[in-house]
Amino acid sequence: MFIILGGTGHVGSAAAKALLDQGEAVTIVTRNPSKAEPMRARGAAIAVADVRDVEAMRQVFRRGRRLFMLNPPADPATDTDAVERETIRCLLQALDQSGLEKIVAQSTYGARPGERCGDLTTLHELEVGLGRQEIPVSIIRAAYYMSNWDGLFDVAVADGVLPTMLPEDLRIPMVAPQDIGKFAARLLAEPAERTGLHHVEGPERYTPRDVAIAFGKTLGKPVRPVAIPRDQWIETFRELGFSEPAAASYARMTVVTVDEAYEPPEAPVRGEVTLERYVEALSRRPAPRM
């Protein structure tokens, strides 16, 4: 049995679908069973639990042998770093006496020690915590999610613009969530002793201008990138509903993304989904887009 955290989200659902397609038994962990109905229809079992309920999570983990773990993003209206650190603490504690034989965990390009730098620092803490426990672990460090652009699709439809905090010609590694999920499924099925750190990105690197062009091609009209000045980043996050500490943390993470290009220490695993293919599929999704 494979246990999948985040199985109703982009990456977790892709991992679950890949395993189900191989005839494997899969349990999706969720707080909202209604969101898991499409996965139930595909044959997955559903476990309803709060990731911060240590004993409940430990009992769910005991149902399986292999676990795909990610740290669910906190509500941006909260102090996201504090909430996500607490979630990590609970998940790590739940691993004790779980009986699991292997973990595949989701992290990010550029994960680093420190404070108040969003996923870069919280996911580094997850990596460190997993390294201190005894269950064999494979870590996936994924490039910038193509799905980070999803929420701007309707803006492009309405206004013909693509707002971005990244410089319009900054070329960065990006990856489709489905490619991450498929790779996670592959790692989950490998022998337990096969562990390590793996970097995953798409077939090419892209700029925000490339994203705007892909949106425009799909929409059949021009879409232009509009860069938000750095001194307006925190204010922009606040206008989007982020708490003050969350806005500061996400702005600092964006600074690192722009100013400190992260290069994997070895050649990354390459996904198959191009940006153009991803955006074209995005345009066919029923509203609302998540």
C-alpha atoms as a PDB file:
ATOM      1  CA  MET A   1       0.000   0.000   0.000  1.00  0.00           C
ATOM      2  CA  PHE A   2       1.225   3.478  -0.940  1.00  0.00           C
ATOM      3  CA  ILE A   3       0.208   6.434   1.245  1.00  0.00           C
ATOM      4  CA  ILE A   4      -0.014   9.784  -0.553  1.00  0.00           C
ATOM      5  CA  LEU A   5      -0.103  13.135   1.220  1.00  0.00           C
ATOM      6  CA  GLY A   6      -1.484  15.956  -0.910  1.00  0.00           C
ATOM      7  CA  GLY A   7      -3.275  13.435  -3.097  1.00  0.00           C
ATOM      8  CA  THR A   8      -5.941  15.956  -4.119  1.00  0.00           C
ATOM      9  CA  GLY A   9      -3.324  18.502  -5.260  1.00  0.00           C
ATOM     10  CA  HIS A  10      -1.232  18.822  -8.388  1.00  0.00           C
ATOM     11  CA  VAL A  11       1.776  16.661  -7.521  1.00  0.00           C
ATOM     12  CA  GLY A  12       0.201  14.173  -5.121  1.00  0.00           C
ATOM     13  CA  SER A  13      -2.651  13.357  -7.484  1.00  0.00           C
ATOM     14  CA  ALA A  14      -0.178  12.767 -10.328  1.00  0.00           C
ATOM     15  CA  ALA A  15       1.806  10.369  -8.137  1.00  0.00           C
ATOM     16  CA  ALA A  16      -1.365   8.578  -7.063  1.00  0.00           C
ATOM     17  CA  LYS A  17      -2.667   8.257 -10.629  1.00  0.00           C
ATOM     18  CA  ALA A  18       0.644   6.834 -11.840  1.00  0.00           C
ATOM     19  CA  LEU A  19       0.599   4.196  -9.105  1.00  0.00           C
ATOM     20  CA  LEU A  20      -3.074   3.353  -9.654  1.00  0.00           C
ATOM     21  CA  ASP A  21      -2.416   2.956 -13.382  1.00  0.00           C
ATOM     22  CA  GLN A  22       0.212   0.346 -12.438  1.00  0.00           C
ATOM     23  CA  GLY A  23      -2.376  -1.556 -10.404  1.00  0.00           C
ATOM     24  CA  GLU A  24      -0.959  -0.516  -7.026  1.00  0.00           C
ATOM     25  CA  ALA A  25      -3.030   0.011  -3.886  1.00  0.00           C
ATOM     26  CA  VAL A  26      -3.102   3.694  -2.908  1.00  0.00           C
ATOM     27  CA  THR A  27      -4.496   5.615   0.049  1.00  0.00           C
ATOM     28  CA  ILE A  28      -5.049   9.361  -0.284  1.00  0.00           C
ATOM     29  CA  VAL A  29      -4.791  11.416   2.907  1.00  0.00           C
ATOM     30  CA  THR A  30      -7.065  14.454   3.004  1.00  0.00           C
ATOM     31  CA  ARG A  31      -8.968  16.712   5.377  1.00  0.00           C
ATOM     32  CA  ASN A  32     -11.749  17.172   2.841  1.00  0.00           C
ATOM     33  CA  PRO A  33     -13.128  13.849   1.540  1.00  0.00           C
ATOM     34  CA  SER A  34     -15.262  15.552  -1.111  1.00  0.00           C
ATOM     35  CA  LYS A  35     -12.100  16.721  -2.893  1.00  0.00           C
ATOM     36  CA  ALA A  36     -10.874  13.143  -2.992  1.00  0.00           C
ATOM     37  CA  GLU A  37     -13.913  11.729  -4.786  1.00  0.00           C
ATOM     38  CA  PRO A  38     -12.242  11.746  -8.240  1.00  0.00           C
ATOM     39  CA  MET A  39      -9.383   9.676  -6.786  1.00  0.00           C
ATOM     40  CA  ARG A  40     -11.830   7.324  -5.063  1.00  0.00           C
ATOM     41  CA  ALA A  41     -13.506   6.831  -8.444  1.00  0.00           C
ATOM     42  CA  ARG A  42     -10.124   5.767  -9.841  1.00  0.00           C
ATOM     43  CA  GLY A  43      -9.767   3.128  -7.111  1.00  0.00           C
ATOM     44  CA  ALA A  44      -7.909   4.918  -4.308  1.00  0.00           C
ATOM     45  CA  ALA A  45      -8.808   4.478  -0.658  1.00  0.00           C
ATOM     46  CA  ILE A  46      -9.393   7.698   1.288  1.00  0.00           C
ATOM     47  CA  ALA A  47      -8.123   8.449   4.794  1.00  0.00           C
ATOM     48  CA  VAL A  48      -9.529  11.567   6.433  1.00  0.00           C
ATOM     49  CA  ALA A  49      -7.000  13.091   8.837  1.00  0.00           C
ATOM     50  CA  ASP A  50      -5.459  16.392   9.856  1.00  0.00           C
ATOM     51  CA  VAL A  51      -1.718  16.470   9.129  1.00  0.00           C
ATOM     52  CA  ARG A  52      -1.122  18.086  12.518  1.00  0.00           C
ATOM     53  CA  ASP A  53      -2.880  15.282  14.409  1.00  0.00           C
ATOM     54  CA  VAL A  54       0.196  13.172  15.154  1.00  0.00           C
ATOM     55  CA  GLU A  55      -1.543  10.013  16.340  1.00  0.00           C
ATOM     56  CA  ALA A  56      -4.112  10.077  13.536  1.00  0.00           C
ATOM     57  CA  MET A  57      -1.348  10.440  10.951  1.00  0.00           C
ATOM     58  CA  ARG A  58       0.695   7.663  12.545  1.00  0.00           C
ATOM     59  CA  GLN A  59      -2.305   5.348  12.279  1.00  0.00           C
ATOM     60  CA  VAL A  60      -2.735   6.251   8.608  1.00  0.00           C
ATOM     61  CA  PHE A  61       0.973   5.635   7.933  1.00  0.00           C
ATOM     62  CA  ARG A  62       0.654   2.185   9.507  1.00  0.00           C
ATOM     63  CA  ARG A  63      -1.762   1.193   6.730  1.00  0.00           C
ATOM     64  CA  GLY A  64       1.011   1.249   4.135  1.00  0.00           C
ATOM     65  CA  ARG A  65       4.665   0.561   3.444  1.00  0.00           C
ATOM     66  CA  ARG A  66       5.650   3.493   1.243  1.00  0.00           C
ATOM     67  CA  LEU A  67       4.838   7.184   1.794  1.00  0.00           C
ATOM     68  CA  PHE A  68       4.869  10.198  -0.495  1.00  0.00           C
ATOM     69  CA  MET A  69       5.309  13.192   1.797  1.00  0.00           C
ATOM     70  CA  LEU A  70       4.971  16.882   1.135  1.00  0.00           C
ATOM     71  CA  ASN A  71       4.396  19.825   3.437  1.00  0.00           C
ATOM     72  CA  PRO A  72       0.951  21.279   2.641  1.00  0.00           C
ATOM     73  CA  PRO A  73       1.100  25.046   2.012  1.00  0.00           C
ATOM     74  CA  ALA A  74      -0.332  27.135   4.818  1.00  0.00           C
ATOM     75  CA  ASP A  75      -3.151  29.617   4.348  1.00  0.00           C
ATOM     76  CA  PRO A  76      -1.369  32.806   3.214  1.00  0.00           C
ATOM     77  CA  ALA A  77      -3.501  34.815   5.639  1.00  0.00           C
ATOM     78  CA  THR A  78      -1.559  33.145   8.474  1.00  0.00           C
ATOM     79  CA  ASP A  79       2.096  33.298   9.487  1.00  0.00           C
ATOM     80  CA  THR A  80       2.913  30.697   6.847  1.00  0.00           C
ATOM     81  CA  ASP A  81       6.450  29.928   8.019  1.00  0.00           C
ATOM     82  CA  ALA A  82       5.291  29.253  11.580  1.00  0.00           C
ATOM     83  CA  VAL A  83       2.328  27.126  10.480  1.00  0.00           C
ATOM     84  CA  GLU A  84       4.385  25.078   8.033  1.00  0.00           C
ATOM     85  CA  ARG A  85       7.148  24.489  10.572  1.00  0.00           C
ATOM     86  CA  GLU A  86       4.572  23.154  13.003  1.00  0.00           C
ATOM     87  CA  THR A  87       3.165  20.867  10.314  1.00  0.00           C
ATOM     88  CA  ILE A  88       6.649  19.543   9.596  1.00  0.00           C
ATOM     89  CA  ARG A  89       7.211  18.887  13.296  1.00  0.00           C
ATOM     90  CA  CYS A  90       3.975  16.901  13.519  1.00  0.00           C
ATOM     91  CA  LEU A  91       4.622  14.870  10.371  1.00  0.00           C
ATOM     92  CA  LEU A  92       8.124  13.951  11.494  1.00  0.00           C
ATOM     93  CA  GLN A  93       6.818  12.916  14.877  1.00  0.00           C
ATOM     94  CA  ALA A  94       4.137  10.748  13.245  1.00  0.00           C
ATOM     95  CA  LEU A  95       6.821   8.771  11.410  1.00  0.00           C
ATOM     96  CA  ASP A  96       8.065   7.318  14.698  1.00  0.00           C
ATOM     97  CA  GLN A  97       6.834   3.719  15.060  1.00  0.00           C
ATOM     98  CA  SER A  98       4.884   4.029  11.802  1.00  0.00           C
ATOM     99  CA  GLY A  99       6.372   0.866  10.315  1.00  0.00           C
ATOM    100  CA  LEU A 100       7.035   2.544   6.974  1.00  0.00           C
ATOM    101  CA  GLU A 101       9.835   1.092   4.865  1.00  0.00           C
ATOM    102  CA  LYS A 102      10.466   4.050   2.535  1.00  0.00           C
ATOM    103  CA  ILE A 103       9.610   7.750   2.145  1.00  0.00           C
ATOM    104  CA  VAL A 104       9.717   9.942  -0.949  1.00  0.00           C
ATOM    105  CA  ALA A 105       9.544  13.596   0.064  1.00  0.00           C
ATOM    106  CA  GLN A 106       8.889  16.730  -1.963  1.00  0.00           C
ATOM    107  CA  SER A 107      11.255  19.680  -1.589  1.00  0.00           C
ATOM    108  CA  THR A 108      12.353  22.545  -3.822  1.00  0.00           C
ATOM    109  CA  TYR A 109      15.261  23.915  -5.816  1.00  0.00           C
ATOM    110  CA  GLY A 110      17.330  26.177  -3.612  1.00  0.00           C
ATOM    111  CA  ALA A 111      16.252  24.720  -0.261  1.00  0.00           C
ATOM    112  CA  ARG A 112      18.535  26.352   2.309  1.00  0.00           C
ATOM    113  CA  PRO A 113      18.929  26.972   6.037  1.00  0.00           C
ATOM    114  CA  GLY A 114      17.690  30.236   7.461  1.00  0.00           C
ATOM    115  CA  GLU A 115      14.612  32.129   8.518  1.00  0.00           C
ATOM    116  CA  ARG A 116      11.715  33.840   6.767  1.00  0.00           C
ATOM    117  CA  CYS A 117      12.352  32.672   3.220  1.00  0.00           C
ATOM    118  CA  GLY A 118       9.226  30.654   2.562  1.00  0.00           C
ATOM    119  CA  ASP A 119       9.534  27.148   1.144  1.00  0.00           C
ATOM    120  CA  LEU A 120      13.279  27.524   0.744  1.00  0.00           C
ATOM    121  CA  THR A 121      13.790  27.401   4.496  1.00  0.00           C
ATOM    122  CA  THR A 122      10.788  25.386   5.679  1.00  0.00           C
ATOM    123  CA  LEU A 123      11.433  22.578   3.196  1.00  0.00           C
ATOM    124  CA  HIS A 124      15.108  22.587   4.113  1.00  0.00           C
ATOM    125  CA  GLU A 125      13.966  21.877   7.665  1.00  0.00           C
ATOM    126  CA  LEU A 126      11.880  18.982   6.343  1.00  0.00           C
ATOM    127  CA  GLU A 127      14.933  17.583   4.549  1.00  0.00           C
ATOM    128  CA  VAL A 128      17.054  17.862   7.681  1.00  0.00           C
ATOM    129  CA  GLY A 129      14.384  16.278   9.859  1.00  0.00           C
ATOM    130  CA  LEU A 130      13.954  13.350   7.481  1.00  0.00           C
ATOM    131  CA  GLY A 131      17.706  12.842   7.463  1.00  0.00           C
ATOM    132  CA  ARG A 132      17.712  12.423  11.232  1.00  0.00           C
ATOM    133  CA  GLN A 133      15.183   9.574  11.327  1.00  0.00           C
ATOM    134  CA  GLU A 134      15.751   5.951  10.386  1.00  0.00           C
ATOM    135  CA  ILE A 135      13.340   5.281   7.499  1.00  0.00           C
ATOM    136  CA  PRO A 136      15.105   5.353   4.094  1.00  0.00           C
ATOM    137  CA  VAL A 137      14.307   8.586   2.236  1.00  0.00           C
ATOM    138  CA  SER A 138      14.475   9.896  -1.305  1.00  0.00           C
ATOM    139  CA  ILE A 139      14.214  13.680  -1.628  1.00  0.00           C
ATOM    140  CA  ILE A 140      12.866  15.367  -4.759  1.00  0.00           C
ATOM    141  CA  ARG A 141      13.966  18.955  -5.225  1.00  0.00           C
ATOM    142  CA  ALA A 142      11.640  20.331  -7.873  1.00  0.00           C
ATOM    143  CA  ALA A 143      12.054  23.415 -10.037  1.00  0.00           C
ATOM    144  CA  TYR A 144       9.560  26.296 -10.138  1.00  0.00           C
ATOM    145  CA  TYR A 145       6.098  24.797 -10.657  1.00  0.00           C
ATOM    146  CA  MET A 146       4.423  25.662 -13.943  1.00  0.00           C
ATOM    147  CA  SER A 147       1.213  25.598 -11.903  1.00  0.00           C
ATOM    148  CA  ASN A 148       2.369  28.776 -10.140  1.00  0.00           C
ATOM    149  CA  TRP A 149       1.088  30.563 -13.246  1.00  0.00           C
ATOM    150  CA  ASP A 150      -2.395  28.981 -13.103  1.00  0.00           C
ATOM    151  CA  GLY A 151      -4.002  31.799 -11.133  1.00  0.00           C
ATOM    152  CA  LEU A 152      -2.978  34.339 -13.764  1.00  0.00           C
ATOM    153  CA  PHE A 153      -4.692  32.608 -16.649  1.00  0.00           C
ATOM    154  CA  ASP A 154      -7.973  34.433 -16.116  1.00  0.00           C
ATOM    155  CA  VAL A 155      -6.094  37.752 -15.865  1.00  0.00           C
ATOM    156  CA  ALA A 156      -4.535  37.035 -19.239  1.00  0.00           C
ATOM    157  CA  VAL A 157      -7.970  36.191 -20.636  1.00  0.00           C
ATOM    158  CA  ALA A 158      -9.540  39.395 -19.295  1.00  0.00           C
ATOM    159  CA  ASP A 159      -6.742  41.947 -19.668  1.00  0.00           C
ATOM    160  CA  GLY A 160      -4.149  40.490 -22.030  1.00  0.00           C
ATOM    161  CA  VAL A 161      -1.395  40.889 -19.431  1.00  0.00           C
ATOM    162  CA  LEU A 162       0.673  38.562 -17.248  1.00  0.00           C
ATOM    163  CA  PRO A 163       1.653  40.260 -13.964  1.00  0.00           C
ATOM    164  CA  THR A 164       4.914  38.866 -12.579  1.00  0.00           C
ATOM    165  CA  MET A 165       7.428  39.627  -9.861  1.00  0.00           C
ATOM    166  CA  LEU A 166      10.106  37.951 -11.944  1.00  0.00           C
ATOM    167  CA  PRO A 167      11.954  39.978 -14.581  1.00  0.00           C
ATOM    168  CA  GLU A 168      10.271  39.251 -17.880  1.00  0.00           C
ATOM    169  CA  ASP A 169      13.454  37.872 -19.463  1.00  0.00           C
ATOM    170  CA  LEU A 170      14.730  35.912 -16.442  1.00  0.00           C
ATOM    171  CA  ARG A 171      15.196  32.318 -17.604  1.00  0.00           C
ATOM    172  CA  ILE A 172      14.546  29.830 -14.816  1.00  0.00           C
ATOM    173  CA  PRO A 173      13.979  26.082 -14.526  1.00  0.00           C
ATOM    174  CA  MET A 174      10.296  25.172 -14.461  1.00  0.00           C
ATOM    175  CA  VAL A 175       8.511  21.840 -14.240  1.00  0.00           C
ATOM    176  CA  ALA A 176       4.968  20.555 -14.642  1.00  0.00           C
ATOM    177  CA  PRO A 177       3.542  19.010 -11.454  1.00  0.00           C
ATOM    178  CA  GLN A 178       2.534  15.872 -13.335  1.00  0.00           C
ATOM    179  CA  ASP A 179       6.189  15.218 -14.188  1.00  0.00           C
ATOM    180  CA  ILE A 180       7.127  15.517 -10.517  1.00  0.00           C
ATOM    181  CA  GLY A 181       4.318  13.164  -9.517  1.00  0.00           C
ATOM    182  CA  LYS A 182       5.288  10.541 -12.089  1.00  0.00           C
ATOM    183  CA  PHE A 183       8.891  10.652 -10.925  1.00  0.00           C
ATOM    184  CA  ALA A 184       7.762  10.361  -7.301  1.00  0.00           C
ATOM    185  CA  ALA A 185       5.769   7.242  -8.200  1.00  0.00           C
ATOM    186  CA  ARG A 186       8.856   5.777  -9.805  1.00  0.00           C
ATOM    187  CA  LEU A 187      10.951   6.411  -6.706  1.00  0.00           C
ATOM    188  CA  LEU A 188       8.253   4.964  -4.452  1.00  0.00           C
ATOM    189  CA  ALA A 189       8.328   1.701  -6.394  1.00  0.00           C
ATOM    190  CA  GLU A 190      12.128   1.358  -6.246  1.00  0.00           C
ATOM    191  CA  PRO A 191      13.876  -0.793  -3.623  1.00  0.00           C
ATOM    192  CA  ALA A 192      13.849   0.816  -0.182  1.00  0.00           C
ATOM    193  CA  GLU A 193      17.626   1.027  -0.046  1.00  0.00           C
ATOM    194  CA  ARG A 194      17.724   3.153  -3.216  1.00  0.00           C
ATOM    195  CA  THR A 195      17.659   6.653  -1.767  1.00  0.00           C
ATOM    196  CA  GLY A 196      19.239  10.053  -2.411  1.00  0.00           C
ATOM    197  CA  LEU A 197      18.629  13.625  -3.542  1.00  0.00           C
ATOM    198  CA  HIS A 198      17.039  14.116  -6.960  1.00  0.00           C
ATOM    199  CA  HIS A 199      16.502  17.330  -8.918  1.00  0.00           C
ATOM    200  CA  VAL A 200      13.618  17.526 -11.393  1.00  0.00           C
ATOM    201  CA  GLU A 201      12.871  20.167 -14.010  1.00  0.00           C
ATOM    202  CA  GLY A 202      11.107  20.356 -17.340  1.00  0.00           C
ATOM    203  CA  PRO A 203      12.540  19.792 -20.820  1.00  0.00           C
ATOM    204  CA  GLU A 204      13.567  23.454 -21.148  1.00  0.00           C
ATOM    205  CA  ARG A 205      13.995  26.599 -19.074  1.00  0.00           C
ATOM    206  CA  TYR A 206      11.592  29.485 -19.573  1.00  0.00           C
ATOM    207  CA  THR A 207      11.101  33.193 -18.909  1.00  0.00           C
ATOM    208  CA  PRO A 208       7.919  35.033 -17.903  1.00  0.00           C
ATOM    209  CA  ARG A 209       7.898  36.332 -21.459  1.00  0.00           C
ATOM    210  CA  ASP A 210       7.774  32.717 -22.669  1.00  0.00           C
ATOM    211  CA  VAL A 211       4.813  32.137 -20.348  1.00  0.00           C
ATOM    212  CA  ALA A 212       3.023  35.192 -21.780  1.00  0.00           C
ATOM    213  CA  ILE A 213       3.682  33.967 -25.317  1.00  0.00           C
ATOM    214  CA  ALA A 214       2.326  30.515 -24.433  1.00  0.00           C
ATOM    215  CA  PHE A 215      -0.791  32.085 -22.916  1.00  0.00           C
ATOM    216  CA  GLY A 216      -1.228  34.266 -25.996  1.00  0.00           C
ATOM    217  CA  LYS A 217      -0.850  31.336 -28.370  1.00  0.00           C
ATOM    218  CA  THR A 218      -3.490  29.359 -26.485  1.00  0.00           C
ATOM    219  CA  LEU A 219      -5.853  32.332 -26.232  1.00  0.00           C
ATOM    220  CA  GLY A 220      -5.329  33.490 -29.786  1.00  0.00           C
ATOM    221  CA  LYS A 221      -4.482  37.035 -28.741  1.00  0.00           C
ATOM    222  CA  PRO A 222      -1.407  38.960 -27.536  1.00  0.00           C
ATOM    223  CA  VAL A 223      -0.494  38.648 -23.865  1.00  0.00           C
ATOM    224  CA  ARG A 224       2.327  40.781 -22.489  1.00  0.00           C
ATOM    225  CA  PRO A 225       4.292  40.306 -19.279  1.00  0.00           C
ATOM    226  CA  VAL A 226       4.131  43.187 -16.782  1.00  0.00           C
ATOM    227  CA  ALA A 227       6.893  43.172 -14.166  1.00  0.00           C
ATOM    228  CA  ILE A 228       5.924  44.393 -10.693  1.00  0.00           C
ATOM    229  CA  PRO A 229       8.712  46.575  -9.222  1.00  0.00           C
ATOM    230  CA  ARG A 230      10.603  45.028  -6.333  1.00  0.00           C
ATOM    231  CA  ASP A 231       9.629  47.777  -3.912  1.00  0.00           C
ATOM    232  CA  GLN A 232       5.970  46.833  -4.476  1.00  0.00           C
ATOM    233  CA  TRP A 233       6.273  43.085  -3.849  1.00  0.00           C
ATOM    234  CA  ILE A 234       5.269  43.084  -0.193  1.00  0.00           C
ATOM    235  CA  GLU A 235       2.385  45.446  -0.870  1.00  0.00           C
ATOM    236  CA  THR A 236       1.228  43.226  -3.757  1.00  0.00           C
ATOM    237  CA  PHE A 237       1.253  40.118  -1.579  1.00  0.00           C
ATOM    238  CA  ARG A 238      -0.691  41.996   1.083  1.00  0.00           C
ATOM    239  CA  GLU A 239      -3.305  43.019  -1.509  1.00  0.00           C
ATOM    240  CA  LEU A 240      -3.633  39.338  -2.422  1.00  0.00           C
ATOM    241  CA  GLY A 241      -4.603  38.527   1.167  1.00  0.00           C
ATOM    242  CA  PHE A 242      -1.228  37.523   2.607  1.00  0.00           C
ATOM    243  CA  SER A 243      -0.523  38.282   6.248  1.00  0.00           C
ATOM    244  CA  GLU A 244       2.292  40.702   6.976  1.00  0.00           C
ATOM    245  CA  PRO A 245       4.793  37.947   7.940  1.00  0.00           C
ATOM    246  CA  ALA A 246       3.745  35.777   4.986  1.00  0.00           C
ATOM    247  CA  ALA A 247       4.140  38.689   2.558  1.00  0.00           C
ATOM    248  CA  ALA A 248       7.623  39.430   3.895  1.00  0.00           C
ATOM    249  CA  SER A 249       8.603  35.765   3.678  1.00  0.00           C
ATOM    250  CA  TYR A 250       7.331  35.288   0.124  1.00  0.00           C
ATOM    251  CA  ALA A 251       8.939  38.535  -1.016  1.00  0.00           C
ATOM    252  CA  ARG A 252      12.286  37.397   0.400  1.00  0.00           C
ATOM    253  CA  MET A 253      11.908  34.037  -1.346  1.00  0.00           C
ATOM    254  CA  THR A 254      11.284  35.902  -4.601  1.00  0.00           C
ATOM    255  CA  VAL A 255      14.436  37.972  -4.065  1.00  0.00           C
ATOM    256  CA  VAL A 256      16.459  34.762  -3.751  1.00  0.00           C
ATOM    257  CA  THR A 257      14.849  33.321  -6.889  1.00  0.00           C
ATOM    258  CA  VAL A 258      15.734  36.436  -8.878  1.00  0.00           C
ATOM    259  CA  ASP A 259      19.170  37.231  -7.443  1.00  0.00           C
ATOM    260  CA  GLU A 260      20.659  33.834  -6.619  1.00  0.00           C
ATOM    261  CA  ALA A 261      20.218  31.396  -9.487  1.00  0.00           C
ATOM    262  CA  TYR A 262      20.246  27.846  -8.130  1.00  0.00           C
ATOM    263  CA  GLU A 263      21.972  25.185 -10.189  1.00  0.00           C
ATOM    264  CA  PRO A 264      21.676  21.496  -9.299  1.00  0.00           C
ATOM    265  CA  PRO A 265      25.014  19.879  -8.411  1.00  0.00           C
ATOM    266  CA  GLU A 266      24.402  17.278 -11.120  1.00  0.00           C
ATOM    267  CA  ALA A 267      22.237  16.905 -14.210  1.00  0.00           C
ATOM    268  CA  PRO A 268      18.537  17.005 -13.259  1.00  0.00           C
ATOM    269  CA  VAL A 269      15.893  14.496 -14.182  1.00  0.00           C
ATOM    270  CA  ARG A 270      14.036  15.968 -17.154  1.00  0.00           C
ATOM    271  CA  GLY A 271      10.257  15.894 -17.368  1.00  0.00           C
ATOM    272  CA  GLU A 272       8.368  15.595 -20.634  1.00  0.00           C
ATOM    273  CA  VAL A 273       5.713  18.323 -20.356  1.00  0.00           C
ATOM    274  CA  THR A 274       6.633  21.542 -22.133  1.00  0.00           C
ATOM    275  CA  LEU A 275       5.331  24.924 -21.027  1.00  0.00           C
ATOM    276  CA  GLU A 276       3.228  25.184 -24.189  1.00  0.00           C
ATOM    277  CA  ARG A 277       1.636  21.811 -23.560  1.00  0.00           C
ATOM    278  CA  TYR A 278       0.982  22.691 -19.932  1.00  0.00           C
ATOM    279  CA  VAL A 279      -0.706  26.009 -20.760  1.00  0.00           C
ATOM    280  CA  GLU A 280      -2.799  24.451 -23.508  1.00  0.00           C
ATOM    281  CA  ALA A 281      -4.055  21.849 -21.022  1.00  0.00           C
ATOM    282  CA  LEU A 282      -4.690  24.616 -18.474  1.00  0.00           C
ATOM    283  CA  SER A 283      -7.007  26.343 -20.906  1.00  0.00           C
ATOM    284  CA  ARG A 284      -9.204  23.223 -21.065  1.00  0.00           C
ATOM    285  CA  ARG A 285      -9.685  22.889 -17.306  1.00  0.00           C
ATOM    286  CA  PRO A 286     -13.139  23.721 -16.013  1.00  0.00           C
ATOM    287  CA  ALA A 287     -13.448  26.828 -13.846  1.00  0.00           C
ATOM    288  CA  PRO A 288     -12.606  27.593 -11.167  1.00  0.00           C
ATOM    289  CA  ARG A 289      -8.887  26.950 -11.650  1.00  0.00           C
ATOM    290  CA  MET A 290      -6.966  26.083  -8.496  1.00  0.00           C
END
